[in-house]
């Protein structure tokens, strides 16, 4: 029974760590997308046809 509790603890900790990494990666990617979108909108007036 003790092995089961240890395994459940390991799985819980790894899930928590993976969730934190996913959140950080998502926030970073979102910031990059916002910056690139702002740059595209800012450079829109320089385009001539």
C-alpha atoms as a PDB file:
ATOM      1  CA  UNK A   1       0.000   0.000   0.000  1.00  0.00           C
ATOM      2  CA  UNK A   2       2.904   2.330   0.718  1.00  0.00           C
ATOM      3  CA  UNK A   3       4.195   1.910  -2.851  1.00  0.00           C
ATOM      4  CA  UNK A   4       0.818   3.007  -4.179  1.00  0.00           C
ATOM      5  CA  UNK A   5       0.902   6.203  -2.113  1.00  0.00           C
ATOM      6  CA  UNK A   6       4.456   6.944  -3.235  1.00  0.00           C
ATOM      7  CA  UNK A   7       3.503   6.428  -6.885  1.00  0.00           C
ATOM      8  CA  UNK A   8       0.435   8.647  -6.486  1.00  0.00           C
ATOM      9  CA  UNK A   9       2.655  11.331  -4.937  1.00  0.00           C
ATOM     10  CA  UNK A  10       5.141  11.114  -7.819  1.00  0.00           C
ATOM     11  CA  UNK A  11       2.381  11.338 -10.415  1.00  0.00           C
ATOM     12  CA  UNK A  12       0.798  14.294  -8.612  1.00  0.00           C
ATOM     13  CA  UNK A  13       4.072  16.197  -8.386  1.00  0.00           C
ATOM     14  CA  UNK A  14       4.956  15.522 -12.026  1.00  0.00           C
ATOM     15  CA  UNK A  15       1.496  16.658 -13.144  1.00  0.00           C
ATOM     16  CA  UNK A  16       1.862  19.847 -11.131  1.00  0.00           C
ATOM     17  CA  UNK A  17       5.305  20.584 -12.592  1.00  0.00           C
ATOM     18  CA  UNK A  18       4.098  19.870 -16.130  1.00  0.00           C
ATOM     19  CA  UNK A  19       1.110  22.168 -15.593  1.00  0.00           C
ATOM     20  CA  UNK A  20       3.333  25.018 -14.373  1.00  0.00           C
ATOM     21  CA  UNK A  21       5.677  24.579 -17.353  1.00  0.00           C
ATOM     22  CA  UNK A  22       2.698  24.617 -19.724  1.00  0.00           C
ATOM     23  CA  UNK A  23       1.319  27.808 -18.172  1.00  0.00           C
ATOM     24  CA  UNK A  24       4.690  29.588 -18.406  1.00  0.00           C
ATOM     25  CA  UNK A  25       5.143  28.479 -22.022  1.00  0.00           C
ATOM     26  CA  UNK A  26       1.615  29.607 -22.903  1.00  0.00           C
ATOM     27  CA  UNK A  27       2.094  33.030 -21.331  1.00  0.00           C
ATOM     28  CA  UNK A  28       5.410  33.481 -23.134  1.00  0.00           C
ATOM     29  CA  UNK A  29       3.910  32.468 -26.469  1.00  0.00           C
ATOM     30  CA  UNK A  30       0.952  34.783 -25.928  1.00  0.00           C
ATOM     31  CA  UNK A  31       3.257  37.739 -25.263  1.00  0.00           C
ATOM     32  CA  UNK A  32       5.245  37.001 -28.417  1.00  0.00           C
ATOM     33  CA  UNK A  33       2.042  36.833 -30.478  1.00  0.00           C
ATOM     34  CA  UNK A  34       0.778  40.148 -29.062  1.00  0.00           C
ATOM     35  CA  UNK A  35       4.094  41.877 -29.817  1.00  0.00           C
ATOM     36  CA  UNK A  36       4.183  40.514 -33.376  1.00  0.00           C
ATOM     37  CA  UNK A  37       0.581  41.546 -33.974  1.00  0.00           C
ATOM     38  CA  UNK A  38       1.293  45.062 -32.735  1.00  0.00           C
ATOM     39  CA  UNK A  39       4.328  45.299 -35.021  1.00  0.00           C
ATOM     40  CA  UNK A  40       2.252  44.177 -37.995  1.00  0.00           C
ATOM     41  CA  UNK A  41      -0.459  46.724 -37.255  1.00  0.00           C
ATOM     42  CA  UNK A  42       2.134  49.441 -36.743  1.00  0.00           C
ATOM     43  CA  UNK A  43       3.802  48.706 -40.095  1.00  0.00           C
ATOM     44  CA  UNK A  44       0.501  48.616 -41.954  1.00  0.00           C
ATOM     45  CA  UNK A  45       0.663  52.295 -42.933  1.00  0.00           C
ATOM     46  CA  UNK A  46       4.047  51.824 -44.626  1.00  0.00           C
ATOM     47  CA  UNK A  47       2.586  49.492 -47.247  1.00  0.00           C
ATOM     48  CA  UNK A  48       1.707  51.127 -50.564  1.00  0.00           C
ATOM     49  CA  UNK A  49      -0.015  49.526 -53.512  1.00  0.00           C
END
